[in-house]
Amino acid sequence: MGNKATLEKDAMKVLKQTSRTFYIPIKLLNKTLRKTVGSAYLCMRAVDEIEDHEEMDAEAKQHLLMETSRLLKEAVFNREAYEQLVNPFEEDLPEVTLRLADWIDFCPDEIEQKVKDSTSEMAEGMAKWVRKDWNVQTKEDLDEYTYYVAGLVGVMLSDIWNWYDGTETDRDLAIGYGRGLQAVNILRNVDEDAERGVGFFPDDWSKKEMFAYAEANLQKADEYMKQISTKNILLFCRIPLELAHKTLNALKSGKEKMSRDEVEETVDNIINS
């Protein structure tokens, strides 16, 4: 644990390493929001990296996720207990996960518990899906899975907006925002997931149904945007959403993804509009 300035520098460095999609919009936030959203994103990413780990066995993942969830429910996060929990997996886990206690320290005190609660719920939900071996059979299963891994991000962001300046947003639309981005990711990674024996399509679904699911949730995300008037927050939310819309269009026309140039051009247009 370093001083506040070092911690901020570390947080932004790790953020850049872990997320191309969110690093740019987080960097564009004002100081208070950058610190809050940055720490919140890193907390959620810390548990996400456990769930996503390709070599770790399911039992170890469940144990780590459930114990992390339990520690996050405490009024004061027990750094020592968390370090004892992750130390045996030090070689396997990335920096973002090993340093969860730092990201909590970095979070403004007034919103810290909300961030911990959402991350705790995410970790518990992910443990459940590890136990189910990510076996999505129905639309309800898909809804539940996408809620835990992405809808909760929307909920947590809405809590942050409300804390920051009283911005009120609809919870279902916030979940739709997260789900929409996740559905686009599922479509984009479908071949990669299949290679490692994982699939998130309900049993009777083809790409057609998944495209419709992504579109319906991105429509909710568009509605969500209408409830926000704070310019800095709008700028943050527009970038991942616009990229998701454009990626979906690219996938529909048979491309694998947007080109790096298209991504950069989209982001520049949003920033300069």
C-alpha atoms as a PDB file:
ATOM      1  CA  MET A   1       0.000   0.000   0.000  1.00  0.00           C
ATOM      2  CA  GLY A   2       1.644   3.218  -1.124  1.00  0.00           C
ATOM      3  CA  ASN A   3       0.662   6.833  -0.651  1.00  0.00           C
ATOM      4  CA  LYS A   4      -2.413   8.210  -2.410  1.00  0.00           C
ATOM      5  CA  ALA A   5      -0.538   9.614  -5.428  1.00  0.00           C
ATOM      6  CA  THR A   6       1.354   6.346  -6.006  1.00  0.00           C
ATOM      7  CA  LEU A   7      -1.866   4.397  -5.619  1.00  0.00           C
ATOM      8  CA  GLU A   8      -3.606   6.555  -8.229  1.00  0.00           C
ATOM      9  CA  LYS A   9      -0.742   6.033 -10.653  1.00  0.00           C
ATOM     10  CA  ASP A  10      -0.822   2.270 -10.023  1.00  0.00           C
ATOM     11  CA  ALA A  11      -4.589   2.145 -10.431  1.00  0.00           C
ATOM     12  CA  MET A  12      -4.451   3.866 -13.818  1.00  0.00           C
ATOM     13  CA  LYS A  13      -1.577   1.627 -14.938  1.00  0.00           C
ATOM     14  CA  VAL A  14      -3.422  -1.575 -13.993  1.00  0.00           C
ATOM     15  CA  LEU A  15      -6.608  -0.203 -15.530  1.00  0.00           C
ATOM     16  CA  LYS A  16      -4.818   0.311 -18.822  1.00  0.00           C
ATOM     17  CA  GLN A  17      -3.483  -3.261 -18.687  1.00  0.00           C
ATOM     18  CA  THR A  18      -6.882  -4.804 -17.961  1.00  0.00           C
ATOM     19  CA  SER A  19      -9.391  -2.891 -20.056  1.00  0.00           C
ATOM     20  CA  ARG A  20      -9.102  -1.224 -23.419  1.00  0.00           C
ATOM     21  CA  THR A  21     -12.825  -0.433 -23.478  1.00  0.00           C
ATOM     22  CA  PHE A  22     -13.031   1.314 -20.116  1.00  0.00           C
ATOM     23  CA  TYR A  23      -9.584   2.852 -19.711  1.00  0.00           C
ATOM     24  CA  ILE A  24     -10.243   5.739 -22.126  1.00  0.00           C
ATOM     25  CA  PRO A  25     -13.658   6.795 -20.728  1.00  0.00           C
ATOM     26  CA  ILE A  26     -12.407   6.492 -17.129  1.00  0.00           C
ATOM     27  CA  LYS A  27      -9.421   8.668 -17.956  1.00  0.00           C
ATOM     28  CA  LEU A  28     -11.795  11.342 -19.303  1.00  0.00           C
ATOM     29  CA  LEU A  29     -13.751  11.590 -16.039  1.00  0.00           C
ATOM     30  CA  ASN A  30     -13.126  14.435 -13.612  1.00  0.00           C
ATOM     31  CA  LYS A  31     -10.863  13.667 -10.639  1.00  0.00           C
ATOM     32  CA  THR A  32     -13.571  12.536  -8.179  1.00  0.00           C
ATOM     33  CA  LEU A  33     -15.384  10.342 -10.682  1.00  0.00           C
ATOM     34  CA  ARG A  34     -12.157   8.985 -12.162  1.00  0.00           C
ATOM     35  CA  LYS A  35     -11.031   7.830  -8.749  1.00  0.00           C
ATOM     36  CA  THR A  36     -14.432   6.336  -7.870  1.00  0.00           C
ATOM     37  CA  VAL A  37     -15.218   4.602 -11.156  1.00  0.00           C
ATOM     38  CA  GLY A  38     -11.573   3.522 -11.527  1.00  0.00           C
ATOM     39  CA  SER A  39     -11.473   1.838  -8.132  1.00  0.00           C
ATOM     40  CA  ALA A  40     -14.923   0.290  -8.614  1.00  0.00           C
ATOM     41  CA  TYR A  41     -13.974  -1.100 -12.020  1.00  0.00           C
ATOM     42  CA  LEU A  42     -10.729  -2.557 -10.630  1.00  0.00           C
ATOM     43  CA  CYS A  43     -12.595  -4.232  -7.741  1.00  0.00           C
ATOM     44  CA  MET A  44     -14.979  -5.930 -10.165  1.00  0.00           C
ATOM     45  CA  ARG A  45     -12.175  -6.805 -12.537  1.00  0.00           C
ATOM     46  CA  ALA A  46     -10.299  -8.417  -9.619  1.00  0.00           C
ATOM     47  CA  VAL A  47     -13.078 -10.992  -9.129  1.00  0.00           C
ATOM     48  CA  ASP A  48     -13.719 -11.329 -12.869  1.00  0.00           C
ATOM     49  CA  GLU A  49     -10.117 -12.475 -13.413  1.00  0.00           C
ATOM     50  CA  ILE A  50     -10.686 -15.342 -10.947  1.00  0.00           C
ATOM     51  CA  GLU A  51     -13.834 -16.484 -12.770  1.00  0.00           C
ATOM     52  CA  ASP A  52     -12.134 -16.168 -16.174  1.00  0.00           C
ATOM     53  CA  HIS A  53      -8.910 -17.956 -15.252  1.00  0.00           C
ATOM     54  CA  GLU A  54      -8.183 -20.618 -17.853  1.00  0.00           C
ATOM     55  CA  GLU A  55      -5.951 -22.943 -15.802  1.00  0.00           C
ATOM     56  CA  MET A  56      -7.400 -22.760 -12.293  1.00  0.00           C
ATOM     57  CA  ASP A  57      -9.709 -25.613 -11.284  1.00  0.00           C
ATOM     58  CA  ALA A  58     -13.357 -24.963 -10.499  1.00  0.00           C
ATOM     59  CA  GLU A  59     -13.066 -25.791  -6.802  1.00  0.00           C
ATOM     60  CA  ALA A  60     -10.274 -23.255  -6.260  1.00  0.00           C
ATOM     61  CA  LYS A  61     -12.255 -20.611  -8.164  1.00  0.00           C
ATOM     62  CA  GLN A  62     -15.384 -21.207  -6.097  1.00  0.00           C
ATOM     63  CA  HIS A  63     -13.423 -21.066  -2.846  1.00  0.00           C
ATOM     64  CA  LEU A  64     -11.672 -17.812  -3.820  1.00  0.00           C
ATOM     65  CA  LEU A  65     -14.867 -16.160  -5.071  1.00  0.00           C
ATOM     66  CA  MET A  66     -17.026 -17.132  -2.085  1.00  0.00           C
ATOM     67  CA  GLU A  67     -14.385 -16.101   0.458  1.00  0.00           C
ATOM     68  CA  THR A  68     -13.774 -12.803  -1.350  1.00  0.00           C
ATOM     69  CA  SER A  69     -17.531 -12.189  -1.396  1.00  0.00           C
ATOM     70  CA  ARG A  70     -17.681 -12.824   2.367  1.00  0.00           C
ATOM     71  CA  LEU A  71     -14.761 -10.471   3.112  1.00  0.00           C
ATOM     72  CA  LEU A  72     -16.355  -7.718   1.003  1.00  0.00           C
ATOM     73  CA  LYS A  73     -19.498  -7.847   3.149  1.00  0.00           C
ATOM     74  CA  GLU A  74     -17.546  -6.806   6.261  1.00  0.00           C
ATOM     75  CA  ALA A  75     -17.699  -3.127   7.296  1.00  0.00           C
ATOM     76  CA  VAL A  76     -13.897  -3.001   7.142  1.00  0.00           C
ATOM     77  CA  PHE A  77     -12.170  -5.042   4.442  1.00  0.00           C
ATOM     78  CA  ASN A  78      -9.632  -7.353   6.072  1.00  0.00           C
ATOM     79  CA  ARG A  79      -6.510  -6.871   3.965  1.00  0.00           C
ATOM     80  CA  GLU A  80      -4.561  -9.517   5.880  1.00  0.00           C
ATOM     81  CA  ALA A  81      -7.265 -12.179   5.503  1.00  0.00           C
ATOM     82  CA  TYR A  82      -7.543 -11.441   1.776  1.00  0.00           C
ATOM     83  CA  GLU A  83      -3.785 -11.668   1.277  1.00  0.00           C
ATOM     84  CA  GLN A  84      -3.728 -15.031   3.084  1.00  0.00           C
ATOM     85  CA  LEU A  85      -6.541 -16.176   0.796  1.00  0.00           C
ATOM     86  CA  VAL A  86      -4.833 -15.225  -2.491  1.00  0.00           C
ATOM     87  CA  ASN A  87      -1.171 -15.842  -1.582  1.00  0.00           C
ATOM     88  CA  PRO A  88      -1.251 -19.571  -2.456  1.00  0.00           C
ATOM     89  CA  PHE A  89      -2.381 -18.510  -5.960  1.00  0.00           C
ATOM     90  CA  GLU A  90       0.131 -15.684  -6.333  1.00  0.00           C
ATOM     91  CA  GLU A  91       1.716 -17.248  -9.428  1.00  0.00           C
ATOM     92  CA  ASP A  92      -1.642 -17.682 -11.161  1.00  0.00           C
ATOM     93  CA  LEU A  93      -3.495 -14.477 -10.418  1.00  0.00           C
ATOM     94  CA  PRO A  94      -2.872 -11.090 -12.062  1.00  0.00           C
ATOM     95  CA  GLU A  95      -1.923  -7.926 -10.199  1.00  0.00           C
ATOM     96  CA  VAL A  96      -5.467  -6.540 -10.414  1.00  0.00           C
ATOM     97  CA  THR A  97      -6.731  -9.477  -8.309  1.00  0.00           C
ATOM     98  CA  LEU A  98      -3.841  -9.674  -5.859  1.00  0.00           C
ATOM     99  CA  ARG A  99      -4.248  -5.980  -5.031  1.00  0.00           C
ATOM    100  CA  LEU A 100      -7.994  -5.848  -4.366  1.00  0.00           C
ATOM    101  CA  ALA A 101      -7.366  -4.297  -0.918  1.00  0.00           C
ATOM    102  CA  ASP A 102      -5.520  -1.394  -2.592  1.00  0.00           C
ATOM    103  CA  TRP A 103      -8.415  -0.656  -4.937  1.00  0.00           C
ATOM    104  CA  ILE A 104     -10.778  -0.548  -1.951  1.00  0.00           C
ATOM    105  CA  ASP A 105      -8.402   1.854  -0.184  1.00  0.00           C
ATOM    106  CA  PHE A 106      -8.400   4.008  -3.300  1.00  0.00           C
ATOM    107  CA  CYS A 107     -12.208   4.294  -3.311  1.00  0.00           C
ATOM    108  CA  PRO A 108     -13.755   7.396  -1.644  1.00  0.00           C
ATOM    109  CA  ASP A 109     -15.008   6.404   1.832  1.00  0.00           C
ATOM    110  CA  GLU A 110     -18.607   7.588   1.295  1.00  0.00           C
ATOM    111  CA  ILE A 111     -19.232   5.176  -1.600  1.00  0.00           C
ATOM    112  CA  GLU A 112     -16.876   2.351  -0.615  1.00  0.00           C
ATOM    113  CA  GLN A 113     -19.552   0.117   0.949  1.00  0.00           C
ATOM    114  CA  LYS A 114     -21.757   0.309  -2.162  1.00  0.00           C
ATOM    115  CA  VAL A 115     -18.800  -0.708  -4.338  1.00  0.00           C
ATOM    116  CA  LYS A 116     -17.972  -3.580  -1.967  1.00  0.00           C
ATOM    117  CA  ASP A 117     -21.616  -4.751  -1.884  1.00  0.00           C
ATOM    118  CA  SER A 118     -21.905  -4.872  -5.690  1.00  0.00           C
ATOM    119  CA  THR A 119     -18.534  -6.609  -6.031  1.00  0.00           C
ATOM    120  CA  SER A 120     -19.508  -9.091  -3.310  1.00  0.00           C
ATOM    121  CA  GLU A 121     -22.755  -9.933  -5.142  1.00  0.00           C
ATOM    122  CA  MET A 122     -20.806 -10.329  -8.379  1.00  0.00           C
ATOM    123  CA  ALA A 123     -18.259 -12.691  -6.783  1.00  0.00           C
ATOM    124  CA  GLU A 124     -21.028 -14.835  -5.269  1.00  0.00           C
ATOM    125  CA  GLY A 125     -22.919 -14.972  -8.570  1.00  0.00           C
ATOM    126  CA  MET A 126     -19.759 -15.898 -10.453  1.00  0.00           C
ATOM    127  CA  ALA A 127     -19.036 -18.713  -7.965  1.00  0.00           C
ATOM    128  CA  LYS A 128     -22.519 -20.055  -8.704  1.00  0.00           C
ATOM    129  CA  TRP A 129     -21.809 -20.043 -12.449  1.00  0.00           C
ATOM    130  CA  VAL A 130     -18.432 -21.734 -11.997  1.00  0.00           C
ATOM    131  CA  ARG A 131     -20.303 -24.458 -10.099  1.00  0.00           C
ATOM    132  CA  LYS A 132     -22.805 -24.714 -12.994  1.00  0.00           C
ATOM    133  CA  ASP A 133     -19.864 -24.944 -15.394  1.00  0.00           C
ATOM    134  CA  TRP A 134     -21.313 -21.936 -17.258  1.00  0.00           C
ATOM    135  CA  ASN A 135     -24.092 -24.139 -18.563  1.00  0.00           C
ATOM    136  CA  VAL A 136     -26.548 -21.677 -20.141  1.00  0.00           C
ATOM    137  CA  GLN A 137     -29.654 -23.524 -21.331  1.00  0.00           C
ATOM    138  CA  THR A 138     -32.439 -20.923 -21.354  1.00  0.00           C
ATOM    139  CA  LYS A 139     -32.899 -17.183 -21.815  1.00  0.00           C
ATOM    140  CA  GLU A 140     -33.436 -16.974 -18.030  1.00  0.00           C
ATOM    141  CA  ASP A 141     -30.015 -18.554 -17.516  1.00  0.00           C
ATOM    142  CA  LEU A 142     -28.475 -16.040 -19.921  1.00  0.00           C
ATOM    143  CA  ASP A 143     -30.212 -13.163 -18.124  1.00  0.00           C
ATOM    144  CA  GLU A 144     -28.900 -14.376 -14.783  1.00  0.00           C
ATOM    145  CA  TYR A 145     -25.351 -14.898 -16.031  1.00  0.00           C
ATOM    146  CA  THR A 146     -25.189 -11.515 -17.794  1.00  0.00           C
ATOM    147  CA  TYR A 147     -26.638  -9.826 -14.701  1.00  0.00           C
ATOM    148  CA  TYR A 148     -23.809 -11.092 -12.511  1.00  0.00           C
ATOM    149  CA  VAL A 149     -20.955 -10.421 -14.905  1.00  0.00           C
ATOM    150  CA  ALA A 150     -22.139  -7.121 -16.435  1.00  0.00           C
ATOM    151  CA  GLY A 151     -25.562  -5.906 -15.284  1.00  0.00           C
ATOM    152  CA  LEU A 152     -24.097  -5.366 -11.835  1.00  0.00           C
ATOM    153  CA  VAL A 153     -21.530  -3.007 -13.345  1.00  0.00           C
ATOM    154  CA  GLY A 154     -24.458  -0.897 -14.593  1.00  0.00           C
ATOM    155  CA  VAL A 155     -26.084  -0.955 -11.152  1.00  0.00           C
ATOM    156  CA  MET A 156     -22.866   0.071  -9.454  1.00  0.00           C
ATOM    157  CA  LEU A 157     -22.261   2.920 -11.910  1.00  0.00           C
ATOM    158  CA  SER A 158     -25.802   4.185 -11.261  1.00  0.00           C
ATOM    159  CA  ASP A 159     -25.094   4.172  -7.519  1.00  0.00           C
ATOM    160  CA  ILE A 160     -21.955   6.216  -8.200  1.00  0.00           C
ATOM    161  CA  TRP A 161     -23.815   8.761 -10.385  1.00  0.00           C
ATOM    162  CA  ASN A 162     -26.455   9.144  -7.684  1.00  0.00           C
ATOM    163  CA  TRP A 163     -23.842   9.617  -4.965  1.00  0.00           C
ATOM    164  CA  TYR A 164     -21.894  12.080  -7.088  1.00  0.00           C
ATOM    165  CA  ASP A 165     -24.619  14.578  -8.005  1.00  0.00           C
ATOM    166  CA  GLY A 166     -28.038  13.024  -7.375  1.00  0.00           C
ATOM    167  CA  THR A 167     -28.435  11.673 -10.943  1.00  0.00           C
ATOM    168  CA  GLU A 168     -31.400   9.260 -10.882  1.00  0.00           C
ATOM    169  CA  THR A 169     -31.437   6.325 -13.319  1.00  0.00           C
ATOM    170  CA  ASP A 170     -33.685   3.304 -13.728  1.00  0.00           C
ATOM    171  CA  ARG A 171     -32.139   0.103 -12.340  1.00  0.00           C
ATOM    172  CA  ASP A 172     -33.516  -2.128 -15.123  1.00  0.00           C
ATOM    173  CA  LEU A 173     -32.123   0.167 -17.796  1.00  0.00           C
ATOM    174  CA  ALA A 174     -28.756   0.228 -15.990  1.00  0.00           C
ATOM    175  CA  ILE A 175     -28.737  -3.589 -16.033  1.00  0.00           C
ATOM    176  CA  GLY A 176     -29.687  -3.486 -19.740  1.00  0.00           C
ATOM    177  CA  TYR A 177     -26.677  -1.244 -20.376  1.00  0.00           C
ATOM    178  CA  GLY A 178     -24.324  -3.822 -18.851  1.00  0.00           C
ATOM    179  CA  ARG A 179     -26.123  -6.772 -20.451  1.00  0.00           C
ATOM    180  CA  GLY A 180     -26.002  -5.168 -23.886  1.00  0.00           C
ATOM    181  CA  LEU A 181     -22.228  -4.751 -23.746  1.00  0.00           C
ATOM    182  CA  GLN A 182     -21.838  -8.330 -22.496  1.00  0.00           C
ATOM    183  CA  ALA A 183     -24.076  -9.764 -25.237  1.00  0.00           C
ATOM    184  CA  VAL A 184     -21.908  -8.056 -27.861  1.00  0.00           C
ATOM    185  CA  ASN A 185     -18.826  -9.587 -26.187  1.00  0.00           C
ATOM    186  CA  ILE A 186     -20.454 -13.035 -26.295  1.00  0.00           C
ATOM    187  CA  LEU A 187     -21.106 -12.638 -30.029  1.00  0.00           C
ATOM    188  CA  ARG A 188     -17.604 -11.331 -30.647  1.00  0.00           C
ATOM    189  CA  ASN A 189     -15.923 -14.168 -28.715  1.00  0.00           C
ATOM    190  CA  VAL A 190     -18.163 -17.027 -29.809  1.00  0.00           C
ATOM    191  CA  ASP A 191     -15.431 -18.950 -31.689  1.00  0.00           C
ATOM    192  CA  GLU A 192     -12.808 -18.331 -29.019  1.00  0.00           C
ATOM    193  CA  ASP A 193     -15.219 -19.546 -26.304  1.00  0.00           C
ATOM    194  CA  ALA A 194     -16.100 -22.636 -28.332  1.00  0.00           C
ATOM    195  CA  GLU A 195     -12.405 -23.534 -28.558  1.00  0.00           C
ATOM    196  CA  ARG A 196     -12.197 -23.685 -24.761  1.00  0.00           C
ATOM    197  CA  GLY A 197     -15.454 -25.605 -24.536  1.00  0.00           C
ATOM    198  CA  VAL A 198     -17.656 -22.778 -23.269  1.00  0.00           C
ATOM    199  CA  GLY A 199     -20.827 -21.432 -24.869  1.00  0.00           C
ATOM    200  CA  PHE A 200     -23.286 -18.816 -23.634  1.00  0.00           C
ATOM    201  CA  PHE A 201     -26.049 -19.342 -26.179  1.00  0.00           C
ATOM    202  CA  PRO A 202     -29.279 -20.851 -24.812  1.00  0.00           C
ATOM    203  CA  ASP A 203     -29.918 -24.355 -26.202  1.00  0.00           C
ATOM    204  CA  ASP A 204     -32.273 -23.447 -29.042  1.00  0.00           C
ATOM    205  CA  TRP A 205     -30.583 -20.175 -30.019  1.00  0.00           C
ATOM    206  CA  SER A 206     -28.597 -19.319 -33.103  1.00  0.00           C
ATOM    207  CA  LYS A 207     -26.724 -16.054 -33.724  1.00  0.00           C
ATOM    208  CA  LYS A 208     -30.007 -14.543 -34.890  1.00  0.00           C
ATOM    209  CA  GLU A 209     -31.553 -14.765 -31.399  1.00  0.00           C
ATOM    210  CA  MET A 210     -28.369 -13.547 -29.731  1.00  0.00           C
ATOM    211  CA  PHE A 211     -28.257 -10.546 -32.064  1.00  0.00           C
ATOM    212  CA  ALA A 212     -31.867  -9.746 -31.095  1.00  0.00           C
ATOM    213  CA  TYR A 213     -30.993 -10.118 -27.398  1.00  0.00           C
ATOM    214  CA  ALA A 214     -28.022  -7.762 -27.766  1.00  0.00           C
ATOM    215  CA  GLU A 215     -30.140  -5.231 -29.653  1.00  0.00           C
ATOM    216  CA  ALA A 216     -32.974  -5.281 -27.114  1.00  0.00           C
ATOM    217  CA  ASN A 217     -30.524  -4.606 -24.287  1.00  0.00           C
ATOM    218  CA  LEU A 218     -28.646  -1.912 -26.199  1.00  0.00           C
ATOM    219  CA  GLN A 219     -32.023  -0.217 -26.714  1.00  0.00           C
ATOM    220  CA  LYS A 220     -32.400  -0.167 -22.931  1.00  0.00           C
ATOM    221  CA  ALA A 221     -28.915   1.315 -22.739  1.00  0.00           C
ATOM    222  CA  ASP A 222     -29.993   4.068 -25.154  1.00  0.00           C
ATOM    223  CA  GLU A 223     -32.984   4.784 -22.875  1.00  0.00           C
ATOM    224  CA  TYR A 224     -30.657   4.806 -19.863  1.00  0.00           C
ATOM    225  CA  MET A 225     -28.600   7.550 -21.509  1.00  0.00           C
ATOM    226  CA  LYS A 226     -31.672   9.798 -21.735  1.00  0.00           C
ATOM    227  CA  GLN A 227     -31.868   9.886 -17.940  1.00  0.00           C
ATOM    228  CA  ILE A 228     -28.396  11.387 -17.558  1.00  0.00           C
ATOM    229  CA  SER A 229     -27.727  15.101 -17.996  1.00  0.00           C
ATOM    230  CA  THR A 230     -24.292  15.476 -16.389  1.00  0.00           C
ATOM    231  CA  LYS A 231     -21.928  16.011 -19.327  1.00  0.00           C
ATOM    232  CA  ASN A 232     -18.930  14.208 -17.844  1.00  0.00           C
ATOM    233  CA  ILE A 233     -21.012  11.121 -17.010  1.00  0.00           C
ATOM    234  CA  LEU A 234     -22.639  11.152 -20.460  1.00  0.00           C
ATOM    235  CA  LEU A 235     -19.240  11.237 -22.144  1.00  0.00           C
ATOM    236  CA  PHE A 236     -18.129   8.252 -20.050  1.00  0.00           C
ATOM    237  CA  CYS A 237     -21.248   6.191 -20.858  1.00  0.00           C
ATOM    238  CA  ARG A 238     -21.331   7.034 -24.562  1.00  0.00           C
ATOM    239  CA  ILE A 239     -17.944   5.563 -25.454  1.00  0.00           C
ATOM    240  CA  PRO A 240     -18.496   1.855 -24.537  1.00  0.00           C
ATOM    241  CA  LEU A 241     -22.098   2.057 -25.774  1.00  0.00           C
ATOM    242  CA  GLU A 242     -21.208   3.525 -29.172  1.00  0.00           C
ATOM    243  CA  LEU A 243     -18.429   0.935 -29.555  1.00  0.00           C
ATOM    244  CA  ALA A 244     -20.904  -1.846 -28.706  1.00  0.00           C
ATOM    245  CA  HIS A 245     -23.437  -0.591 -31.295  1.00  0.00           C
ATOM    246  CA  LYS A 246     -20.752  -0.365 -33.969  1.00  0.00           C
ATOM    247  CA  THR A 247     -19.227  -3.747 -33.085  1.00  0.00           C
ATOM    248  CA  LEU A 248     -22.680  -5.316 -33.386  1.00  0.00           C
ATOM    249  CA  ASN A 249     -23.114  -3.775 -36.834  1.00  0.00           C
ATOM    250  CA  ALA A 250     -19.663  -5.023 -37.860  1.00  0.00           C
ATOM    251  CA  LEU A 251     -20.479  -8.566 -36.645  1.00  0.00           C
ATOM    252  CA  LYS A 252     -23.811  -8.490 -38.493  1.00  0.00           C
ATOM    253  CA  SER A 253     -22.060  -7.619 -41.726  1.00  0.00           C
ATOM    254  CA  GLY A 254     -19.735 -10.595 -41.259  1.00  0.00           C
ATOM    255  CA  LYS A 255     -16.641  -8.885 -39.852  1.00  0.00           C
ATOM    256  CA  GLU A 256     -14.917 -10.320 -36.780  1.00  0.00           C
ATOM    257  CA  LYS A 257     -14.763  -6.962 -34.997  1.00  0.00           C
ATOM    258  CA  MET A 258     -14.188  -3.257 -35.571  1.00  0.00           C
ATOM    259  CA  SER A 259     -10.743  -2.299 -36.792  1.00  0.00           C
ATOM    260  CA  ARG A 260      -8.457  -0.388 -34.428  1.00  0.00           C
ATOM    261  CA  ASP A 261      -8.775   2.674 -36.704  1.00  0.00           C
ATOM    262  CA  GLU A 262     -12.575   2.529 -36.528  1.00  0.00           C
ATOM    263  CA  VAL A 263     -12.402   2.300 -32.729  1.00  0.00           C
ATOM    264  CA  GLU A 264     -10.068   5.291 -32.504  1.00  0.00           C
ATOM    265  CA  GLU A 265     -12.163   7.320 -34.925  1.00  0.00           C
ATOM    266  CA  THR A 266     -15.361   6.559 -32.964  1.00  0.00           C
ATOM    267  CA  VAL A 267     -13.778   7.586 -29.670  1.00  0.00           C
ATOM    268  CA  ASP A 268     -12.330  10.782 -31.183  1.00  0.00           C
ATOM    269  CA  ASN A 269     -15.700  11.743 -32.630  1.00  0.00           C
ATOM    270  CA  ILE A 270     -17.405  11.316 -29.251  1.00  0.00           C
ATOM    271  CA  ILE A 271     -14.736  13.293 -27.398  1.00  0.00           C
ATOM    272  CA  ASN A 272     -14.820  16.122 -29.913  1.00  0.00           C
ATOM    273  CA  SER A 273     -18.574  16.272 -30.454  1.00  0.00           C
END
